[in-house]
Amino acid sequence: MAHRTVLTDRQRAALFDLPTVEAEMLHHYTLSDDDLEIIRARRRPHNRFGFALQLCALRYPGRLLTPGEVIPLAVTRFLAAQVGLKPDDLAGYATREETRHEHLATLREQYGYRMFSGRGARDLKGWLQDAAEGARSNDDLARRFVEQCRATRTILPGVTIIERICADALVAAERRIEARIAERLDDAMRTRLDALLTEDAGGSVTRFVWLRQFEAGQNSADMNRLLDRLEFLHRLGLTETVLAGVPPHRIARLRRQGERYFAGDLRDISGDRRLAILAVCVLEWRSALADAIVETHDRIVGKTWREAKSRCDARAEDAKAALKDTLQSFATLGSALLEAHEDRASLEEAVDNAGGWLSLKGLVATTAQLTDTLAADPLAHVGHWYHRFRRYAPRMLRTLDIRAAPAAEPLLAASTIIAGTETTEILPLTFLRRGSKWLRHLNADGGDAGRLWEVAVLFHLRESFRSGDVWLAHSRRFGDLKEALVPAEVARTTPKLAMPFEPDTWLADRKARMSDALRRLARAAKAGAIPGGSIEDGVLKIDRLTAAVPEEAEAMVLDLYKRLPEIRGTDLLLEVDDEVGFTEAFTHLHTGVPCKDRIGLLNVLLAEGLNLGLSKMAGATNTHDYFQLSRLSRWHVEGEAMSRALAKVIEAQSALPMARFWGAGQTASSDGQFFPTTRQGEAMNLINAKYGQEPGLKAYTHVSDQFGPFATQTIPATVNEAPYILDGLLMTGAGQNIREQYADTGGFTDHVFAVTALLGFQFIPRIRDLPSKRLYLFDPAACPKELKGLIGGKIKERLITANWPDILRSAATMVAGVMPPSQLLRKFASYPRQHELALALREIGRVERTLFIIDWLLDADMQRRAQIGLNKGEAHHALKNALRIGRQGEIRDRSAEGQHFRMAGLNLLAAIIIYWNTKQLGQAVTSRHRAGLDCSPSLLAHISPLGWAHILLTGEYRWPKRA
């Protein structure tokens, strides 16, 4: 079988080097009394020392010591202290090779260690074959193998042997999975799949390339292009059973390979692998296309609503002049009538003098018309765009495999009428809720009611997809929510849940906490002791929090940054990679081998981070042309690799001594940063009036108290940020260490309050309009009189109790990573009012929000911590604005993947700069301390590693030959 280099030097060192960190030595190298008794049976000091060292090496990392190996001083000192010797006593060990072999034989006999040979080796190789299918990377498989050897007390073979057998196992696993998929394809299906690589789809593009060129669109033409592709894939007739039992990460890897191969290259690949890639792509694209179709329909509905609202607003604006004239005419008429009435004159003559009855009749008609215009809502105008929906809706409804919950079955039945699969003379209205505004417009539309009815169905279909009341079979984004939730028995065994299994326990705890909190707040209000605020006549008043930065801090910051050396961006990247090895995260999508062209990869990452693009970077660098950079980007740069590289940099930065002055990595803030896009964003529902009339996207980033941007997501500028808070916390290693999470006003909802509390996070948002927020109590009647004006309502305990099992399942599903928490929270936020799970979560959120508000009002330190945390997040925006120098700062990529790479590349580059600044600031602090200047921790806490004036980011990007 083919041999691959599985591990880098850094990965080998992590697996096979002796530990030197004190915590690791305490864990692995602490000797027991029995160990010391066996060690002391050796006659000479150097033999006792060497025997102890061999024992520890066999335990961890699990290997033999090599002849002439240099033992770290930290290890010799740690062991010498335990066996009562001096570190120098090791020098005479194993002057006789036989001594080392005799000790090894004794260790094997006393502790049960065995060599990697014979039946034991065969068993481990068999275990390795099975483990290889589930391994997510080469390093992951090697690590699993080493841990299995330790668990079975098998002495690790040489590094090259481990690399070879792991490489062989990986290749064999790939071939087994590819063969397994290919075997499930009959001859006819194989022929149809292979034809994708040769059949012309028009425009000199093969059918295979044509199929993979899709993104969610913004109009009916885009929708029909998506439907063309989905209908073609449906006609192939490939079923999901061909991927049964294949690990999801293997499916994802095969899909990513298929999306990067050219059709000609794919034709040259061996049969099983080619067919496996094609089968995976067909099934994955089929699901993704269905999701893109629903997303496109969502955008078209949103666009129609905005245009209807604009038309409604324009008509109201146009009516203002006529309204003024009409009111003036009525004022004139009214004055004449009042004057005639007071003079007891003829009202008939007064009307004639004011313009006559005919004029009055016209005024009344105009008034009625203006009243209708000003009272109209956008629903009165949406029917104008009926033909936009008619161009694709019947076809879409016939093509998608839409399922519905019982509550949405009337809507599904109505959609079959639009699809043409059912006919009826009477258009049903049962899908509309009682009191719906649509009913009034449908009853008033007369002959056009049929068109408006179709638009109403399609509008409601959009909302039902958002909420999960209707779903698609085999979909990730719009699948059945009940199937996505983990079973109740799994939820009960989830260790990270901070919630009891019985609702009564949770309710009793929250009632006690709320009762105590209300008493404390009432006492503080009565005594006028609320920090920075007061409650007067039931009205809450809050003072603005003042900054608390020492005057000496600014001078110290300027001095420290003057001590930082100036550096080129290229040299900075090389220096950080030498220390951290973040480029090792970018492995080849097929072989899993880290990229060997480090300079080329750094050029690609720099192009992404600076928003230059590969063509501009090719013209600015002295090492690579566009095609070389494009190849590296296509095969090595993808979302998971970006995340792995970021995690490496964040972990390394948090371990630097300087980072400890800023925090312990247990608090974080999150915020969205707006980035303008090209004009096409206007048609894609990407305009948020908060940021002006320019279309754009937002990078939603989590920043730790040590300034590390450990997670970032690309989200539309128009969506609420709150659902994305938990993604960064639950789906990253650094996020799971967070205990307090800060957010601004846009980052909180009652659902977020509920879920963060249930998962053990302390959620602390800075609420801009806090005085307007109400408190919700279990027993409002028992509320202290000082707080009566703040009460908003009563908590519905029955609702919480009845839905507790599903609440438990929802929280466990987020922890398990079955779907991004934001996806689940968005569905909860979109549920119809009668859905009890969403309402129950809202009630829990109201409880947690009430407790938070009381704590916030009474705890000035909490307020200051949140202020500091949010300031750190906002300070990141300035650094990132300075980095995105290309294309006037606009994100011009049209694909979601391209936009994500831009945002992720920018975040990674910012994290690399933060690491380098943190390290250099630490050295500057040492230099300042030697000069006898103040370096107190209270001042160092006010420094940030976000400066960039000393880094040359623009110009030509030249790399030293040594790299």
Foldseek 3Di string as FASTA:
>chain_A
DDADQLDDPVLCCVLQPDDQDPVVCVVQLDDDPVLLVVLVVDDAQLLSLVLSVQLSSCLPSNAGDDPPDDHDPSNLVVVCVVNVHDSVSNVPPPPPVVSSVVSVVVCCVVPVAEECDDPNVVVLLVVLLVVLLVQLFSSSSLNVSSVVCSVNNYRDDDPSVSSGSNLVSNVVSLVVLLVLLVVVDDPVLLVVLLQQLPPDPPPPAGNLLLLVPAAQAQFLVNLVSLLVSLVVLVVSVQDPVSCPPRDPSSLVLLQLVSNLDRSVVLVPDDRSSSVSSSSSNSLVSNQVSLVSSLLNLLNNLVVLLVVLQVVLVVLLVVCPVVVVVLVVLVVQLVVLQVVCVVVVHDNQVSQVVSPHPVVVVVSVVSVVVSVCSNPDHSLLPSLVCLVRCLSPQLSSLVSFAKDFDPLCVLLNVLSCCSVVVDDDPDRDDVNDDPPDPLVVSLVPVPPSSVSSSVSVSSSVVSLCQLQQRMAGPPHFLRHRPVVLFDDLVLLVPQPLWPDDLALVVVVVVLQVLLVVLLVVLLVCQVVVNFVQWHFDPQFTDGHDDDDDADPVLVVVQVLLVVLFFFAALLVLVVVLCVVQVLQQLFAFSPSSGRDPCVSLVVLLLLCLQQVADLQSSLVQEDPDHSVSSVVSCSGGDADRSLLSSLLSLLVLLLPDPLLVLQHNLAEKEKDKDWFFADPSQVSSPQADPVVPGTGTWIWIFIATSSLRRNDIDIGRNPDQQQQCQVLSLQVHPSSVNYAEYEYEQSRDDLLSLLLCVRSRHHYHYHHPPVSVAAAEEQDLVPRPPSNNSRHDYYQDSVLLNVCVSVVSSLSVSCNVPSDPSSSVVSSLVSDPPPDSVSVNSSSSSSSSVNSNSSCVRRDVPSVVVNVSNVVSVVLLNVLSVVSNNHPVRHQHDPHPRSSRSSSSSNSSSQSSQQSVLSNSSVVSLVVCVVVVDDDDSSSSNPHGSRDPPSYHSDGRNYDDPVD
